[in-house]
Amino acid sequence: MGEAFINFKREGVLGRIPTGITVAEAARRCGIRGLDGCGGVHECEVTIESGIHLLGPDTAAETEHFAGAERNPSRRLACEAKIIDSGEIEIMTDKKTDETVPGKDPIQAEFEALPLDQKFSNLLKMEAVTLGETFTYVVNSSMKAVEKFGDALSDFGSKIETEASRAAACGDAKPYEAPPTKSAGTKNNPSAQDSGETPEAGGI
């Protein structure tokens, strides 16, 4: 998949977008609203000032839409015209409204149009939801921490039990006993040791 550089001249927005998407999707990715979601009404006509060869051929919807009037070859439907090749494209939209201001979100525009009391009501509802989610997160995090602490204690207890078993095994072992040493008399008179007699002291 290649990349194309697109210039929405009326809005003064430049962007780099992947090939394979429609002009409307490219506009949305660049923060421009109003060209997508036309719902089949096709109020998304644009003029391709340069780079029209980088777009795919007219779709059936475009052929039907432009059939009743003299067709300007540079006019395309943003929701249908697909960018299929890399290069530079310059596009002029028909008009600039609040919906096509870069970064202007439809949800934000809808909120700004609400009466003041309804704004406060919605804010309070969102704050309540946020607090509830925060409380749930804290409780779940605490429970996970307790479970980890319990696992650590269990591992520690297992290690202590293993060490105690090793110590008990060492305690059952018999102590080392040195072999008996031979007396001097026994060493000098081995025959006496064999007969069981005690050698007499002195005498010539």
C-alpha atoms as a PDB file:
ATOM      1  CA  MET A   1       0.000   0.000   0.000  1.00  0.00           C
ATOM      2  CA  GLY A   2       1.366   3.385  -1.037  1.00  0.00           C
ATOM      3  CA  GLU A   3       0.881   6.891   0.302  1.00  0.00           C
ATOM      4  CA  ALA A   4      -0.514  10.061  -1.213  1.00  0.00           C
ATOM      5  CA  PHE A   5      -0.138  13.701  -0.208  1.00  0.00           C
ATOM      6  CA  ILE A   6      -3.460  15.513  -0.174  1.00  0.00           C
ATOM      7  CA  ASN A   7      -4.180  19.241   0.011  1.00  0.00           C
ATOM      8  CA  PHE A   8      -7.629  20.512   0.973  1.00  0.00           C
ATOM      9  CA  LYS A   9      -7.110  24.033  -0.323  1.00  0.00           C
ATOM     10  CA  ARG A  10     -10.201  25.759   1.060  1.00  0.00           C
ATOM     11  CA  GLU A  11      -9.488  24.494   4.584  1.00  0.00           C
ATOM     12  CA  GLY A  12      -5.731  24.939   4.281  1.00  0.00           C
ATOM     13  CA  VAL A  13      -5.100  21.372   5.451  1.00  0.00           C
ATOM     14  CA  LEU A  14      -2.270  19.170   4.183  1.00  0.00           C
ATOM     15  CA  GLY A  15      -2.062  15.494   4.963  1.00  0.00           C
ATOM     16  CA  ARG A  16      -0.379  12.220   4.097  1.00  0.00           C
ATOM     17  CA  ILE A  17      -2.826   9.373   3.715  1.00  0.00           C
ATOM     18  CA  PRO A  18      -2.652   5.734   2.551  1.00  0.00           C
ATOM     19  CA  THR A  19      -3.917   4.759  -0.851  1.00  0.00           C
ATOM     20  CA  GLY A  20      -7.041   2.636  -1.099  1.00  0.00           C
ATOM     21  CA  ILE A  21      -9.357   4.999   0.805  1.00  0.00           C
ATOM     22  CA  THR A  22     -11.976   7.462  -0.430  1.00  0.00           C
ATOM     23  CA  VAL A  23     -11.565  11.231  -0.529  1.00  0.00           C
ATOM     24  CA  ALA A  24     -14.163  11.492   2.245  1.00  0.00           C
ATOM     25  CA  GLU A  25     -12.140   9.142   4.470  1.00  0.00           C
ATOM     26  CA  ALA A  26      -8.994  11.125   3.696  1.00  0.00           C
ATOM     27  CA  ALA A  27     -10.792  14.310   4.748  1.00  0.00           C
ATOM     28  CA  ARG A  28     -11.964  12.699   7.991  1.00  0.00           C
ATOM     29  CA  ARG A  29      -8.426  11.583   8.822  1.00  0.00           C
ATOM     30  CA  CYS A  30      -7.232  15.142   8.262  1.00  0.00           C
ATOM     31  CA  GLY A  31      -9.852  16.468  10.702  1.00  0.00           C
ATOM     32  CA  ILE A  32     -12.292  17.776   8.084  1.00  0.00           C
ATOM     33  CA  ARG A  33     -15.963  16.984   8.633  1.00  0.00           C
ATOM     34  CA  GLY A  34     -18.949  17.229   6.344  1.00  0.00           C
ATOM     35  CA  LEU A  35     -17.810  15.045   3.445  1.00  0.00           C
ATOM     36  CA  ASP A  36     -18.551  11.696   5.054  1.00  0.00           C
ATOM     37  CA  GLY A  37     -21.845  10.233   6.124  1.00  0.00           C
ATOM     38  CA  CYS A  38     -23.905  11.764   3.313  1.00  0.00           C
ATOM     39  CA  GLY A  39     -26.249   8.755   3.478  1.00  0.00           C
ATOM     40  CA  GLY A  40     -26.826   8.471  -0.253  1.00  0.00           C
ATOM     41  CA  VAL A  41     -27.891  12.122  -0.649  1.00  0.00           C
ATOM     42  CA  HIS A  42     -24.447  12.876  -2.111  1.00  0.00           C
ATOM     43  CA  GLU A  43     -23.895  16.419  -0.899  1.00  0.00           C
ATOM     44  CA  CYS A  44     -20.189  15.710  -0.941  1.00  0.00           C
ATOM     45  CA  GLU A  45     -19.198  16.946  -4.395  1.00  0.00           C
ATOM     46  CA  VAL A  46     -15.620  18.209  -4.621  1.00  0.00           C
ATOM     47  CA  THR A  47     -13.414  19.531  -7.379  1.00  0.00           C
ATOM     48  CA  ILE A  48     -10.136  17.710  -8.010  1.00  0.00           C
ATOM     49  CA  GLU A  49      -7.849  20.549  -9.087  1.00  0.00           C
ATOM     50  CA  SER A  50      -4.810  18.317  -9.622  1.00  0.00           C
ATOM     51  CA  GLY A  51      -3.984  14.641  -9.331  1.00  0.00           C
ATOM     52  CA  ILE A  52      -7.289  13.346 -10.666  1.00  0.00           C
ATOM     53  CA  HIS A  53      -5.357  10.567 -12.434  1.00  0.00           C
ATOM     54  CA  LEU A  54      -4.525   9.195  -8.979  1.00  0.00           C
ATOM     55  CA  LEU A  55      -8.213   8.432  -8.396  1.00  0.00           C
ATOM     56  CA  GLY A  56     -10.099   5.370  -9.542  1.00  0.00           C
ATOM     57  CA  PRO A  57     -12.729   5.506 -12.297  1.00  0.00           C
ATOM     58  CA  ASP A  58     -16.241   6.768 -11.677  1.00  0.00           C
ATOM     59  CA  THR A  59     -18.402   4.424  -9.675  1.00  0.00           C
ATOM     60  CA  ALA A  60     -21.972   3.539 -10.630  1.00  0.00           C
ATOM     61  CA  ALA A  61     -23.240   5.963  -7.992  1.00  0.00           C
ATOM     62  CA  GLU A  62     -21.185   8.787  -9.510  1.00  0.00           C
ATOM     63  CA  THR A  63     -22.358   7.995 -13.029  1.00  0.00           C
ATOM     64  CA  GLU A  64     -25.976   8.093 -11.870  1.00  0.00           C
ATOM     65  CA  HIS A  65     -25.472  11.254  -9.801  1.00  0.00           C
ATOM     66  CA  PHE A  66     -23.901  13.282 -12.595  1.00  0.00           C
ATOM     67  CA  ALA A  67     -26.111  11.884 -15.379  1.00  0.00           C
ATOM     68  CA  GLY A  68     -28.714  14.681 -15.363  1.00  0.00           C
ATOM     69  CA  ALA A  69     -26.317  17.590 -15.890  1.00  0.00           C
ATOM     70  CA  GLU A  70     -23.341  18.552 -17.997  1.00  0.00           C
ATOM     71  CA  ARG A  71     -20.452  16.767 -16.322  1.00  0.00           C
ATOM     72  CA  ASN A  72     -17.322  18.565 -15.274  1.00  0.00           C
ATOM     73  CA  PRO A  73     -14.641  15.833 -15.409  1.00  0.00           C
ATOM     74  CA  SER A  74     -12.923  17.244 -12.338  1.00  0.00           C
ATOM     75  CA  ARG A  75     -16.064  16.905 -10.204  1.00  0.00           C
ATOM     76  CA  ARG A  76     -16.212  13.776  -8.048  1.00  0.00           C
ATOM     77  CA  LEU A  77     -18.183  12.485  -5.080  1.00  0.00           C
ATOM     78  CA  ALA A  78     -15.918  12.394  -2.032  1.00  0.00           C
ATOM     79  CA  CYS A  79     -17.718   9.359  -0.593  1.00  0.00           C
ATOM     80  CA  GLU A  80     -17.178   7.385  -3.817  1.00  0.00           C
ATOM     81  CA  ALA A  81     -13.919   8.575  -5.381  1.00  0.00           C
ATOM     82  CA  LYS A  82     -11.124   6.294  -4.237  1.00  0.00           C
ATOM     83  CA  ILE A  83      -7.411   7.194  -4.137  1.00  0.00           C
ATOM     84  CA  ILE A  84      -5.637   4.298  -5.851  1.00  0.00           C
ATOM     85  CA  ASP A  85      -2.151   5.607  -6.579  1.00  0.00           C
ATOM     86  CA  SER A  86       0.634   7.554  -4.855  1.00  0.00           C
ATOM     87  CA  GLY A  87       1.249  11.199  -5.655  1.00  0.00           C
ATOM     88  CA  GLU A  88      -0.065  14.687  -4.847  1.00  0.00           C
ATOM     89  CA  ILE A  89      -3.738  15.594  -4.952  1.00  0.00           C
ATOM     90  CA  GLU A  90      -5.298  19.058  -4.590  1.00  0.00           C
ATOM     91  CA  ILE A  91      -8.969  19.226  -3.676  1.00  0.00           C
ATOM     92  CA  MET A  92     -11.365  22.176  -3.440  1.00  0.00           C
ATOM     93  CA  THR A  93     -14.512  21.609  -1.410  1.00  0.00           C
ATOM     94  CA  ASP A  94     -17.692  23.473  -2.357  1.00  0.00           C
ATOM     95  CA  LYS A  95     -18.092  25.450   0.835  1.00  0.00           C
ATOM     96  CA  LYS A  96     -16.610  25.839   4.268  1.00  0.00           C
ATOM     97  CA  THR A  97     -19.035  25.392   7.163  1.00  0.00           C
ATOM     98  CA  ASP A  98     -18.641  24.834  10.891  1.00  0.00           C
ATOM     99  CA  GLU A  99     -18.753  21.092  10.192  1.00  0.00           C
ATOM    100  CA  THR A 100     -15.668  21.268   7.972  1.00  0.00           C
ATOM    101  CA  VAL A 101     -13.444  23.209  10.354  1.00  0.00           C
ATOM    102  CA  PRO A 102     -10.433  21.017  11.224  1.00  0.00           C
ATOM    103  CA  GLY A 103     -10.783  19.494  14.664  1.00  0.00           C
ATOM    104  CA  LYS A 104     -14.455  20.458  15.029  1.00  0.00           C
ATOM    105  CA  ASP A 105     -16.251  17.395  16.398  1.00  0.00           C
ATOM    106  CA  PRO A 106     -19.998  16.934  15.653  1.00  0.00           C
ATOM    107  CA  ILE A 107     -20.653  15.910  19.257  1.00  0.00           C
ATOM    108  CA  GLN A 108     -18.988  19.114  20.478  1.00  0.00           C
ATOM    109  CA  ALA A 109     -21.090  21.203  18.057  1.00  0.00           C
ATOM    110  CA  GLU A 110     -24.256  19.472  19.265  1.00  0.00           C
ATOM    111  CA  PHE A 111     -23.340  20.137  22.912  1.00  0.00           C
ATOM    112  CA  GLU A 112     -22.645  23.800  22.227  1.00  0.00           C
ATOM    113  CA  ALA A 113     -26.122  24.179  20.702  1.00  0.00           C
ATOM    114  CA  LEU A 114     -27.865  22.959  23.887  1.00  0.00           C
ATOM    115  CA  PRO A 115     -29.528  25.377  26.364  1.00  0.00           C
ATOM    116  CA  LEU A 116     -27.467  26.229  29.427  1.00  0.00           C
ATOM    117  CA  ASP A 117     -29.579  24.213  31.906  1.00  0.00           C
ATOM    118  CA  GLN A 118     -29.421  21.145  29.678  1.00  0.00           C
ATOM    119  CA  LYS A 119     -25.649  21.527  29.434  1.00  0.00           C
ATOM    120  CA  PHE A 120     -25.389  21.464  33.245  1.00  0.00           C
ATOM    121  CA  SER A 121     -27.697  18.439  33.393  1.00  0.00           C
ATOM    122  CA  ASN A 122     -25.599  16.526  30.876  1.00  0.00           C
ATOM    123  CA  LEU A 123     -22.376  17.461  32.640  1.00  0.00           C
ATOM    124  CA  LEU A 124     -23.730  16.194  35.973  1.00  0.00           C
ATOM    125  CA  LYS A 125     -24.755  12.905  34.363  1.00  0.00           C
ATOM    126  CA  MET A 126     -21.316  12.479  32.816  1.00  0.00           C
ATOM    127  CA  GLU A 127     -19.656  13.305  36.142  1.00  0.00           C
ATOM    128  CA  ALA A 128     -21.784  10.695  37.926  1.00  0.00           C
ATOM    129  CA  VAL A 129     -20.856   8.071  35.341  1.00  0.00           C
ATOM    130  CA  THR A 130     -17.178   9.013  35.646  1.00  0.00           C
ATOM    131  CA  LEU A 131     -17.263   8.758  39.453  1.00  0.00           C
ATOM    132  CA  GLY A 132     -18.978   5.382  39.245  1.00  0.00           C
ATOM    133  CA  GLU A 133     -16.374   4.053  36.836  1.00  0.00           C
ATOM    134  CA  THR A 134     -13.576   5.443  39.004  1.00  0.00           C
ATOM    135  CA  PHE A 135     -15.008   3.763  42.130  1.00  0.00           C
ATOM    136  CA  THR A 136     -15.346   0.449  40.298  1.00  0.00           C
ATOM    137  CA  TYR A 137     -11.754   0.707  39.096  1.00  0.00           C
ATOM    138  CA  VAL A 138     -10.447   1.441  42.615  1.00  0.00           C
ATOM    139  CA  VAL A 139     -12.397  -1.482  44.121  1.00  0.00           C
ATOM    140  CA  ASN A 140     -11.210  -3.890  41.442  1.00  0.00           C
ATOM    141  CA  SER A 141      -7.622  -2.685  41.809  1.00  0.00           C
ATOM    142  CA  SER A 142      -7.767  -3.135  45.606  1.00  0.00           C
ATOM    143  CA  MET A 143      -9.109  -6.673  45.265  1.00  0.00           C
ATOM    144  CA  LYS A 144      -6.342  -7.550  42.823  1.00  0.00           C
ATOM    145  CA  ALA A 145      -3.766  -6.144  45.246  1.00  0.00           C
ATOM    146  CA  VAL A 146      -5.192  -8.262  48.091  1.00  0.00           C
ATOM    147  CA  GLU A 147      -5.098 -11.358  45.894  1.00  0.00           C
ATOM    148  CA  LYS A 148      -1.458 -10.713  44.986  1.00  0.00           C
ATOM    149  CA  PHE A 149      -0.596 -10.197  48.669  1.00  0.00           C
ATOM    150  CA  GLY A 150      -2.308 -13.485  49.532  1.00  0.00           C
ATOM    151  CA  ASP A 151      -0.379 -15.293  46.806  1.00  0.00           C
ATOM    152  CA  ALA A 152       2.887 -13.845  48.131  1.00  0.00           C
ATOM    153  CA  LEU A 153       2.072 -15.016  51.675  1.00  0.00           C
ATOM    154  CA  SER A 154       1.211 -18.477  50.370  1.00  0.00           C
ATOM    155  CA  ASP A 155       4.531 -18.715  48.531  1.00  0.00           C
ATOM    156  CA  PHE A 156       6.377 -17.507  51.610  1.00  0.00           C
ATOM    157  CA  GLY A 157       4.621 -20.131  53.796  1.00  0.00           C
ATOM    158  CA  SER A 158       5.511 -22.873  51.321  1.00  0.00           C
ATOM    159  CA  LYS A 159       9.164 -21.867  51.447  1.00  0.00           C
ATOM    160  CA  ILE A 160       9.163 -21.903  55.277  1.00  0.00           C
ATOM    161  CA  GLU A 161       7.561 -25.360  55.292  1.00  0.00           C
ATOM    162  CA  THR A 162      10.174 -26.659  52.846  1.00  0.00           C
ATOM    163  CA  GLU A 163      13.036 -25.301  54.962  1.00  0.00           C
ATOM    164  CA  ALA A 164      11.516 -26.811  58.121  1.00  0.00           C
ATOM    165  CA  SER A 165      11.286 -30.220  56.443  1.00  0.00           C
ATOM    166  CA  ARG A 166      14.928 -30.012  55.433  1.00  0.00           C
ATOM    167  CA  ALA A 167      15.942 -29.078  58.993  1.00  0.00           C
ATOM    168  CA  ALA A 168      13.975 -32.033  60.447  1.00  0.00           C
ATOM    169  CA  ALA A 169      15.655 -34.401  58.016  1.00  0.00           C
ATOM    170  CA  CYS A 170      19.083 -33.197  59.156  1.00  0.00           C
ATOM    171  CA  GLY A 171      18.096 -33.684  62.840  1.00  0.00           C
ATOM    172  CA  ASP A 172      17.289 -37.396  62.298  1.00  0.00           C
ATOM    173  CA  ALA A 173      20.805 -38.158  60.988  1.00  0.00           C
ATOM    174  CA  LYS A 174      23.136 -40.075  63.397  1.00  0.00           C
ATOM    175  CA  PRO A 175      26.167 -38.171  64.688  1.00  0.00           C
ATOM    176  CA  TYR A 176      29.598 -39.209  63.482  1.00  0.00           C
ATOM    177  CA  GLU A 177      31.428 -41.724  65.796  1.00  0.00           C
ATOM    178  CA  ALA A 178      35.226 -42.027  65.637  1.00  0.00           C
ATOM    179  CA  PRO A 179      36.660 -45.625  65.512  1.00  0.00           C
ATOM    180  CA  PRO A 180      38.240 -46.961  68.825  1.00  0.00           C
ATOM    181  CA  THR A 181      41.980 -46.294  69.220  1.00  0.00           C
ATOM    182  CA  LYS A 182      44.438 -49.128  70.077  1.00  0.00           C
ATOM    183  CA  SER A 183      46.338 -48.996  73.436  1.00  0.00           C
ATOM    184  CA  ALA A 184      50.142 -48.949  73.576  1.00  0.00           C
ATOM    185  CA  GLY A 185      50.336 -52.416  75.175  1.00  0.00           C
ATOM    186  CA  THR A 186      48.148 -53.943  72.569  1.00  0.00           C
ATOM    187  CA  LYS A 187      50.235 -52.452  69.836  1.00  0.00           C
ATOM    188  CA  ASN A 188      53.532 -53.867  71.338  1.00  0.00           C
ATOM    189  CA  ASN A 189      52.136 -57.386  71.982  1.00  0.00           C
ATOM    190  CA  PRO A 190      49.647 -58.363  69.347  1.00  0.00           C
ATOM    191  CA  SER A 191      49.563 -62.002  70.534  1.00  0.00           C
ATOM    192  CA  ALA A 192      48.178 -60.954  73.861  1.00  0.00           C
ATOM    193  CA  GLN A 193      45.323 -59.117  72.084  1.00  0.00           C
ATOM    194  CA  ASP A 194      44.507 -62.241  70.147  1.00  0.00           C
ATOM    195  CA  SER A 195      44.510 -64.552  73.260  1.00  0.00           C
ATOM    196  CA  GLY A 196      42.627 -62.119  75.431  1.00  0.00           C
ATOM    197  CA  GLU A 197      45.437 -62.185  78.081  1.00  0.00           C
ATOM    198  CA  THR A 198      46.760 -59.076  79.758  1.00  0.00           C
ATOM    199  CA  PRO A 199      50.537 -58.702  79.410  1.00  0.00           C
ATOM    200  CA  GLU A 200      52.488 -58.618  82.640  1.00  0.00           C
ATOM    201  CA  ALA A 201      54.485 -55.588  83.541  1.00  0.00           C
ATOM    202  CA  GLY A 202      58.237 -55.725  84.353  1.00  0.00           C
ATOM    203  CA  GLY A 203      60.578 -58.791  84.462  1.00  0.00           C
ATOM    204  CA  ILE A 204      63.666 -59.708  82.503  1.00  0.00           C
END
